[in-house]
C-alpha atoms as a PDB file:
ATOM      1  CA  MET A   1      15.239  34.935  -5.407  1.00  0.00           C
ATOM      2  CA  ALA A   2      12.908  33.356  -2.763  1.00  0.00           C
ATOM      3  CA  ARG A   3      14.611  31.749   0.192  1.00  0.00           C
ATOM      4  CA  THR A   4      14.253  27.757   0.456  1.00  0.00           C
ATOM      5  CA  SER A   5      15.081  25.123   2.926  1.00  0.00           C
ATOM      6  CA  ASN A   6      16.093  21.793   2.157  1.00  0.00           C
ATOM      7  CA  VAL A   7      13.837  18.640   2.869  1.00  0.00           C
ATOM      8  CA  PHE A   8      15.441  15.130   2.951  1.00  0.00           C
ATOM      9  CA  ALA A   9      13.245  12.004   2.685  1.00  0.00           C
ATOM     10  CA  ARG A  10      13.717   8.403   2.399  1.00  0.00           C
ATOM     11  CA  VAL A  11      11.389   6.723  -0.008  1.00  0.00           C
ATOM     12  CA  ASP A  12      10.928   3.301  -1.668  1.00  0.00           C
ATOM     13  CA  PRO A  13      13.010   3.510  -4.911  1.00  0.00           C
ATOM     14  CA  ASN A  14      10.043   2.061  -6.800  1.00  0.00           C
ATOM     15  CA  ILE A  15       7.664   4.552  -5.621  1.00  0.00           C
ATOM     16  CA  LYS A  16      10.163   7.426  -6.305  1.00  0.00           C
ATOM     17  CA  GLN A  17      10.596   6.241  -9.861  1.00  0.00           C
ATOM     18  CA  GLU A  18       6.949   5.740 -10.659  1.00  0.00           C
ATOM     19  CA  ALA A  19       6.219   9.309  -9.083  1.00  0.00           C
ATOM     20  CA  GLU A  20       9.032  10.885 -11.005  1.00  0.00           C
ATOM     21  CA  GLU A  21       7.569   9.256 -14.376  1.00  0.00           C
ATOM     22  CA  ILE A  22       4.056  10.629 -13.680  1.00  0.00           C
ATOM     23  CA  LEU A  23       5.288  13.963 -12.626  1.00  0.00           C
ATOM     24  CA  GLU A  24       7.626  14.194 -15.605  1.00  0.00           C
ATOM     25  CA  GLN A  25       4.371  13.793 -17.940  1.00  0.00           C
ATOM     26  CA  LEU A  26       2.600  16.509 -16.151  1.00  0.00           C
ATOM     27  CA  GLY A  27       5.740  18.741 -16.163  1.00  0.00           C
ATOM     28  CA  ILE A  28       6.086  19.027 -12.467  1.00  0.00           C
ATOM     29  CA  PRO A  29       9.604  18.611 -11.030  1.00  0.00           C
ATOM     30  CA  MET A  30       9.624  16.482  -7.877  1.00  0.00           C
ATOM     31  CA  SER A  31      10.824  19.455  -5.636  1.00  0.00           C
ATOM     32  CA  ASN A  32       7.519  21.373  -6.819  1.00  0.00           C
ATOM     33  CA  ALA A  33       5.246  18.497  -6.054  1.00  0.00           C
ATOM     34  CA  VAL A  34       6.783  18.035  -2.736  1.00  0.00           C
ATOM     35  CA  GLY A  35       6.315  22.031  -2.242  1.00  0.00           C
ATOM     36  CA  MET A  36       2.617  21.727  -3.380  1.00  0.00           C
ATOM     37  CA  PHE A  37       1.962  18.904  -0.883  1.00  0.00           C
ATOM     38  CA  LEU A  38       3.579  20.864   1.871  1.00  0.00           C
ATOM     39  CA  ARG A  39       1.417  23.893   1.110  1.00  0.00           C
ATOM     40  CA  GLN A  40      -1.606  21.899   1.042  1.00  0.00           C
ATOM     41  CA  VAL A  41      -0.711  20.502   4.487  1.00  0.00           C
ATOM     42  CA  VAL A  42      -0.553  24.088   5.921  1.00  0.00           C
ATOM     43  CA  MET A  43      -3.800  25.157   4.024  1.00  0.00           C
ATOM     44  CA  GLN A  44      -5.679  22.128   5.240  1.00  0.00           C
ATOM     45  CA  ARG A  45      -4.128  22.276   8.609  1.00  0.00           C
ATOM     46  CA  GLY A  46      -3.384  18.435   8.193  1.00  0.00           C
ATOM     47  CA  ILE A  47      -2.853  15.862   5.551  1.00  0.00           C
ATOM     48  CA  PRO A  48      -4.649  17.009   2.516  1.00  0.00           C
ATOM     49  CA  PHE A  49      -6.242  13.605   1.701  1.00  0.00           C
ATOM     50  CA  GLU A  50      -8.218  11.138   3.548  1.00  0.00           C
ATOM     51  CA  MET A  51      -6.291   8.406   5.476  1.00  0.00           C
ATOM     52  CA  LYS A  52      -7.740   5.219   6.420  1.00  0.00           C
ATOM     53  CA  LEU A  53      -6.570   1.676   6.790  1.00  0.00           C
ATOM     54  CA  PRO A  54      -7.564  -0.751   3.754  1.00  0.00           C
ATOM     55  CA  GLN A  55     -10.383  -2.986   4.170  1.00  0.00           C
ATOM     56  CA  ASN A  56      -9.395  -6.225   5.699  1.00  0.00           C
ATOM     57  CA  VAL A  57     -10.219  -8.543   2.460  1.00  0.00           C
ATOM     58  CA  PRO A  58      -8.936 -11.973   1.598  1.00  0.00           C
ATOM     59  CA  LEU A  59      -5.495 -12.004  -0.165  1.00  0.00           C
ATOM     60  CA  ALA A  60      -6.110 -12.046  -4.191  1.00  0.00           C
ATOM     61  CA  TYR A  61      -3.469 -13.835  -6.198  1.00  0.00           C
ATOM     62  CA  GLY A  62      -3.379 -11.047  -8.605  1.00  0.00           C
ATOM     63  CA  ASN A  63      -2.470  -8.489  -6.139  1.00  0.00           C
ATOM     64  CA  LEU A  64       0.596 -10.408  -4.695  1.00  0.00           C
ATOM     65  CA  THR A  65       4.057 -10.426  -6.015  1.00  0.00           C
ATOM     66  CA  ASP A  66       5.909 -13.545  -6.859  1.00  0.00           C
ATOM     67  CA  GLU A  67       7.653 -13.314  -3.331  1.00  0.00           C
ATOM     68  CA  GLN A  68       4.475 -12.632  -1.464  1.00  0.00           C
ATOM     69  CA  PHE A  69       2.757 -15.545  -2.933  1.00  0.00           C
ATOM     70  CA  VAL A  70       5.608 -17.926  -2.195  1.00  0.00           C
ATOM     71  CA  GLN A  71       5.454 -16.706   1.371  1.00  0.00           C
ATOM     72  CA  GLU A  72       1.675 -17.387   1.569  1.00  0.00           C
ATOM     73  CA  VAL A  73       2.141 -20.929   0.093  1.00  0.00           C
ATOM     74  CA  GLU A  74       4.876 -21.586   2.576  1.00  0.00           C
ATOM     75  CA  LYS A  75       2.543 -20.342   5.496  1.00  0.00           C
ATOM     76  CA  GLY A  76      -0.080 -22.632   4.410  1.00  0.00           C
ATOM     77  CA  LEU A  77       2.244 -25.587   3.961  1.00  0.00           C
ATOM     78  CA  ALA A  78       3.573 -24.947   7.481  1.00  0.00           C
ATOM     79  CA  ASP A  79      -0.110 -24.765   8.751  1.00  0.00           C
ATOM     80  CA  ILE A  80      -0.747 -28.131   7.176  1.00  0.00           C
ATOM     81  CA  LYS A  81       2.270 -29.700   8.602  1.00  0.00           C
ATOM     82  CA  ASN A  82       1.371 -28.317  12.200  1.00  0.00           C
ATOM     83  CA  GLY A  83      -2.244 -29.580  11.883  1.00  0.00           C
ATOM     84  CA  ASN A  84      -3.687 -26.143  11.769  1.00  0.00           C
ATOM     85  CA  LEU A  85      -6.617 -27.133   9.706  1.00  0.00           C
ATOM     86  CA  ILE A  86     -10.447 -26.469   9.306  1.00  0.00           C
ATOM     87  CA  SER A  87     -13.036 -28.046   7.223  1.00  0.00           C
ATOM     88  CA  ALA A  88     -13.900 -26.449   3.781  1.00  0.00           C
ATOM     89  CA  ASP A  89     -17.534 -25.904   5.156  1.00  0.00           C
ATOM     90  CA  ASP A  90     -16.150 -24.103   8.302  1.00  0.00           C
ATOM     91  CA  ALA A  91     -13.872 -21.924   5.939  1.00  0.00           C
ATOM     92  CA  GLU A  92     -16.765 -21.251   3.548  1.00  0.00           C
ATOM     93  CA  ASN A  93     -18.923 -20.024   6.539  1.00  0.00           C
ATOM     94  CA  TYR A  94     -16.098 -18.056   7.955  1.00  0.00           C
ATOM     95  CA  MET A  95     -15.800 -16.355   4.588  1.00  0.00           C
ATOM     96  CA  ARG A  96     -19.391 -15.601   4.504  1.00  0.00           C
ATOM     97  CA  GLN A  97     -19.776 -14.101   7.674  1.00  0.00           C
ATOM     98  CA  LYS A  98     -16.397 -12.165   7.709  1.00  0.00           C
ATOM     99  CA  TYR A  99     -16.419 -10.946   3.993  1.00  0.00           C
ATOM    100  CA  GLY A 100     -19.816 -11.364   2.486  1.00  0.00           C
ATOM    101  CA  ILE A 101     -18.792 -13.680  -0.016  1.00  0.00           C
END
């Protein structure tokens, strides 16, 4: 039997659950998937996929959780209360310049 070492990692429970469901459909145990990842790190001499920051785009309601949506609304209400306002025209111009929309 091959010698092995233990690897312990803390991960988001939801991500772990989703990954386990997908790996189960593929017939790959989690430990094998982690081992495959680590082998690729060694073979590629780095992370085996491209890593970059997401584009800075405006928030889309459909991409927010209920909690995130409430937080964004509360931030907006606080801005109104504190007088942090710009005109609709200025907001439109900013969105066109910054995001091309």
